[in-house]
Amino acid sequence: MEKRRIILVPFPAQGHVTPFIQLGQALSLKGFSTTVVQGGSNQVSHIPGFQFLTIPETLPLSQLKTLGPVEFLMKLNKTSEASFKDCISQLLLQHDNDIACIIYDELMYFSEAAAKKFKLPSVIFSTVSATSRVCGSVLSKLNAEKFLIDMEDHEVQDKVVDDLHPLTYKDLPTSGMGPLDRYLELCREIFNRGTASGVILNTASCLESSSLSWLQQELGIPVYPLGPLVTLQLQQILVYWKRT
């Protein structure tokens, strides 16, 4: 019997690709087949047991420096959506509609449109800390013009974000991202859970329990702290060895 297939969609940078591959290897030991969908800037070309597919007409990673992070991500998601839908359509035909789930990097939010179109379960994978995702969620709700005015007041800068002690407004990561209005627009795209049925984070509950609790309440869907994935992968391998 053919294994059920998981589709992984990592952002094409090593710090994102590596956790995805580790997650895929752990899922493989649980009996799933794994397909990794990548853009033109492929980071991985061959891992035993994995299928690698390239989406045509995506934005090369070399444009990141030219465009800046915000405009790069906006354009990457815009140019990748149609190609990814075509890719999923072909995979469904090849595998008799047996795709269990699409797991996509939070930066590759174009994946959600395909999951919705083909009525496939989807899960968001955040390769950063839970606290980073909390910050992004807070930023996604801010008005850029009002925030800039408010931040001229030192009392506001030092104000603790509601229910997120000790995080203050001046701690929110906004520097180096270009115009604030565009950055907040991107945050709204990234941190909108859409129809995703869960969020995986590469972190541990013993390190970020308060941020994880906040996310669980904010999102209203299961939040899975699976990190560190290297440890998880080793545990799965040891279990596999014991069984064989």
Protein backbone atom coordinates (compact mmCIF):
# COMPACT_ATOMS: atom_id res chain seq x y z
CA MET A 1 0.00 0.00 0.00
CA GLU A 2 1.36 3.42 -0.97
CA LYS A 3 2.14 5.75 1.90
CA ARG A 4 0.08 8.90 2.38
CA ARG A 5 1.89 11.98 1.13
CA ILE A 6 2.85 15.15 2.97
CA ILE A 7 3.71 18.27 0.94
CA LEU A 8 6.37 20.51 2.49
CA VAL A 9 6.85 24.10 1.30
CA PRO A 10 9.94 25.68 2.90
CA PHE A 11 11.19 29.21 2.39
CA PRO A 12 14.39 28.93 0.28
CA ALA A 13 16.92 29.84 2.96
CA GLN A 14 19.04 27.35 4.87
CA GLY A 15 17.66 28.27 8.29
CA HIS A 16 14.19 27.42 7.00
CA VAL A 17 14.99 24.47 4.74
CA THR A 18 16.92 22.50 7.38
CA PRO A 19 14.05 22.33 9.94
CA PHE A 20 11.67 21.33 7.14
CA ILE A 21 13.93 18.48 6.07
CA GLN A 22 14.27 17.34 9.69
CA LEU A 23 10.48 17.44 10.07
CA GLY A 24 10.09 15.51 6.82
CA GLN A 25 12.50 12.83 7.99
CA ALA A 26 10.59 12.45 11.26
CA LEU A 27 7.30 12.18 9.33
CA SER A 28 8.84 9.59 7.00
CA LEU A 29 9.59 7.40 10.01
CA LYS A 30 5.92 7.72 10.92
CA GLY A 31 4.95 6.22 7.57
CA PHE A 32 4.41 9.25 5.34
CA SER A 33 5.87 9.95 1.91
CA THR A 34 7.34 13.42 1.58
CA THR A 35 7.34 15.85 -1.33
CA VAL A 36 9.31 19.08 -0.98
CA VAL A 37 8.18 21.91 -3.25
CA GLN A 38 10.86 24.52 -3.90
CA GLY A 39 11.37 27.62 -5.97
CA GLY A 40 14.14 28.25 -8.45
CA SER A 41 16.70 28.84 -5.70
CA ASN A 42 16.83 25.21 -4.61
CA GLN A 43 18.68 24.47 -1.40
CA VAL A 44 18.33 20.69 -1.51
CA SER A 45 18.35 18.41 -4.52
CA HIS A 46 18.41 14.87 -3.17
CA ILE A 47 17.59 13.09 0.07
CA PRO A 48 16.73 9.38 0.03
CA GLY A 49 12.99 8.83 0.17
CA PHE A 50 12.10 12.46 -0.63
CA GLN A 51 10.57 13.79 -3.82
CA PHE A 52 11.70 17.30 -4.84
CA LEU A 53 9.68 19.50 -7.19
CA THR A 54 10.48 22.97 -8.47
CA ILE A 55 7.85 25.65 -9.01
CA PRO A 56 8.55 27.55 -12.25
CA GLU A 57 8.48 31.33 -12.54
CA THR A 58 9.26 32.05 -8.90
CA LEU A 59 11.44 34.86 -7.63
CA PRO A 60 15.14 33.98 -7.22
CA LEU A 61 16.60 34.46 -3.76
CA SER A 62 19.22 36.75 -5.30
CA GLN A 63 16.50 39.42 -5.54
CA LEU A 64 16.19 39.60 -1.74
CA LYS A 65 19.02 42.11 -1.40
CA THR A 66 17.76 44.21 -4.31
CA LEU A 67 14.12 44.38 -3.25
CA GLY A 68 14.50 44.23 0.52
CA PRO A 69 12.81 41.60 2.70
CA VAL A 70 9.27 42.97 2.64
CA GLU A 71 8.93 43.59 -1.09
CA PHE A 72 10.74 40.34 -1.85
CA LEU A 73 8.27 38.30 0.20
CA MET A 74 5.28 40.14 -1.23
CA LYS A 75 6.44 39.51 -4.78
CA LEU A 76 7.52 35.92 -4.09
CA ASN A 77 4.06 35.00 -2.82
CA LYS A 78 2.32 36.79 -5.66
CA THR A 79 4.37 35.08 -8.37
CA SER A 80 4.27 31.62 -6.80
CA GLU A 81 0.56 31.12 -6.13
CA ALA A 82 -0.58 30.04 -9.60
CA SER A 83 2.41 27.75 -10.17
CA PHE A 84 1.90 26.09 -6.81
CA LYS A 85 -1.76 25.44 -7.57
CA ASP A 86 -0.72 23.76 -10.83
CA CYS A 87 1.86 21.73 -8.93
CA ILE A 88 -0.69 20.48 -6.39
CA SER A 89 -3.13 19.67 -9.18
CA GLN A 90 -0.52 17.45 -10.85
CA LEU A 91 0.42 15.78 -7.57
CA LEU A 92 -3.21 14.94 -6.86
CA LEU A 93 -3.46 13.26 -10.25
CA GLN A 94 -0.20 11.37 -9.76
CA HIS A 95 -1.07 10.11 -6.29
CA ASP A 96 -4.79 9.39 -6.69
CA ASN A 97 -5.80 12.40 -4.59
CA ASP A 98 -3.98 10.91 -1.61
CA ILE A 99 -2.35 14.00 -0.12
CA ALA A 100 -2.69 14.04 3.63
CA CYS A 101 -1.61 17.61 4.29
CA ILE A 102 0.32 20.66 3.08
CA ILE A 103 2.80 21.97 5.64
CA TYR A 104 4.09 25.37 4.61
CA ASP A 105 6.52 27.93 5.94
CA GLU A 106 4.70 30.94 7.35
CA LEU A 107 6.61 33.09 4.83
CA MET A 108 5.20 31.01 1.95
CA TYR A 109 1.60 31.92 2.64
CA PHE A 110 0.63 31.54 -1.02
CA SER A 111 0.34 27.82 -0.19
CA GLU A 112 -2.89 28.44 1.70
CA ALA A 113 -4.74 29.40 -1.49
CA ALA A 114 -3.95 26.01 -3.05
CA ALA A 115 -4.94 24.14 0.11
CA LYS A 116 -8.25 25.99 0.12
CA LYS A 117 -8.88 25.43 -3.59
CA PHE A 118 -8.30 21.67 -3.41
CA LYS A 119 -9.84 21.29 0.07
CA LEU A 120 -6.64 19.92 1.57
CA PRO A 121 -5.69 20.21 5.24
CA SER A 122 -2.89 22.69 5.83
CA VAL A 123 -0.53 23.38 8.70
CA ILE A 124 1.71 26.42 9.15
CA PHE A 125 5.31 25.78 10.15
CA SER A 126 7.15 28.61 11.90
CA THR A 127 10.89 27.99 12.00
CA VAL A 128 11.45 30.89 14.41
CA SER A 129 10.61 31.17 18.09
CA ALA A 130 7.07 31.33 19.44
CA THR A 131 7.82 34.80 20.78
CA SER A 132 8.77 35.97 17.29
CA ARG A 133 5.41 34.79 16.02
CA VAL A 134 3.69 36.55 18.92
CA CYS A 135 5.44 39.80 17.94
CA GLY A 136 4.32 39.37 14.35
CA SER A 137 0.74 38.78 15.43
CA VAL A 138 0.79 41.95 17.53
CA LEU A 139 2.28 43.97 14.66
CA SER A 140 -0.34 42.66 12.24
CA LYS A 141 -3.04 44.45 14.24
CA LEU A 142 -1.33 47.84 14.39
CA ASN A 143 -2.03 50.91 12.31
CA ALA A 144 1.27 52.16 10.89
CA GLU A 145 0.56 55.89 11.11
CA LYS A 146 -0.81 55.73 14.65
CA PHE A 147 2.02 53.46 15.80
CA LEU A 148 4.69 55.86 14.52
CA ILE A 149 3.05 58.76 16.33
CA ASP A 150 2.59 56.76 19.53
CA MET A 151 6.21 55.61 19.53
CA GLU A 152 7.40 59.21 19.81
CA ASP A 153 6.15 59.04 23.40
CA HIS A 154 8.70 57.32 25.65
CA GLU A 155 5.94 56.15 27.98
CA VAL A 156 4.33 54.27 25.11
CA GLN A 157 7.68 52.79 24.11
CA ASP A 158 8.08 51.33 27.59
CA LYS A 159 4.46 50.18 27.86
CA VAL A 160 4.05 46.42 28.23
CA VAL A 161 2.02 44.78 25.47
CA ASP A 162 -1.27 43.49 26.89
CA ASP A 163 -0.93 39.99 28.38
CA LEU A 164 2.67 39.72 27.16
CA HIS A 165 4.80 40.83 30.10
CA PRO A 166 7.71 41.69 29.90
CA LEU A 167 7.41 42.48 26.16
CA THR A 168 7.15 46.23 25.54
CA TYR A 169 6.19 48.09 22.38
CA LYS A 170 9.77 49.18 21.76
CA ASP A 171 10.74 45.49 21.70
CA LEU A 172 8.60 44.81 18.64
CA PRO A 173 10.89 44.11 15.65
CA THR A 174 10.31 46.89 13.12
CA SER A 175 13.79 48.17 12.25
CA GLY A 176 15.44 47.26 8.97
CA MET A 177 12.17 46.27 7.30
CA GLY A 178 11.60 49.36 5.16
CA PRO A 179 8.39 51.44 5.22
CA LEU A 180 6.31 50.47 8.24
CA ASP A 181 2.98 50.41 6.41
CA ARG A 182 4.24 47.81 3.93
CA TYR A 183 5.81 45.76 6.70
CA LEU A 184 2.58 45.68 8.69
CA GLU A 185 0.72 44.71 5.53
CA LEU A 186 3.10 41.78 5.15
CA CYS A 187 2.58 40.83 8.80
CA ARG A 188 -1.16 40.69 8.18
CA GLU A 189 -0.56 38.25 5.34
CA ILE A 190 1.92 36.07 7.22
CA PHE A 191 0.12 35.92 10.54
CA ASN A 192 -3.38 35.38 9.18
CA ARG A 193 -3.93 31.69 9.88
CA GLY A 194 -6.50 31.41 7.08
CA THR A 195 -7.95 27.91 7.00
CA ALA A 196 -4.89 26.24 8.54
CA SER A 197 -5.76 23.52 11.02
CA GLY A 198 -2.66 23.95 13.18
CA VAL A 199 0.69 25.66 13.69
CA ILE A 200 4.00 23.88 14.23
CA LEU A 201 6.79 25.80 15.94
CA ASN A 202 10.44 24.84 16.12
CA THR A 203 10.62 25.50 19.85
CA ALA A 204 10.12 23.77 23.18
CA SER A 205 7.28 24.37 25.64
CA CYS A 206 9.72 24.50 28.56
CA LEU A 207 11.37 27.56 26.99
CA GLU A 208 8.37 29.54 25.73
CA SER A 209 5.33 28.38 27.67
CA SER A 210 3.79 31.87 28.01
CA SER A 211 4.18 32.71 24.31
CA LEU A 212 2.78 29.32 23.31
CA SER A 213 -0.23 29.80 25.58
CA TRP A 214 -0.82 33.24 24.09
CA LEU A 215 -0.69 31.85 20.56
CA GLN A 216 -3.02 28.99 21.41
CA GLN A 217 -5.61 31.42 22.73
CA GLU A 218 -5.09 33.95 19.93
CA LEU A 219 -5.24 31.50 17.03
CA GLY A 220 -7.91 29.14 18.28
CA ILE A 221 -6.23 26.16 16.61
CA PRO A 222 -3.72 23.61 17.93
CA VAL A 223 -0.17 24.89 18.40
CA TYR A 224 2.53 22.22 18.37
CA PRO A 225 5.98 23.00 19.83
CA LEU A 226 8.08 20.28 18.18
CA GLY A 227 11.57 21.63 18.68
CA PRO A 228 14.35 21.14 18.79
CA LEU A 229 13.75 19.12 15.65
CA VAL A 230 17.22 17.57 15.69
CA THR A 231 16.33 15.92 19.00
CA LEU A 232 12.93 14.86 17.68
CA GLN A 233 14.53 13.31 14.62
CA LEU A 234 17.02 11.33 16.74
CA GLN A 235 14.23 10.10 19.01
CA GLN A 236 12.23 8.88 16.02
CA ILE A 237 15.28 7.09 14.61
CA LEU A 238 15.95 5.36 17.94
CA VAL A 239 12.33 4.20 18.13
CA TYR A 240 12.60 2.90 14.56
CA TRP A 241 15.81 1.00 15.35
CA LYS A 242 14.23 -0.61 18.41
CA ARG A 243 11.30 -1.83 16.32
CA THR A 244 13.55 -3.33 13.66
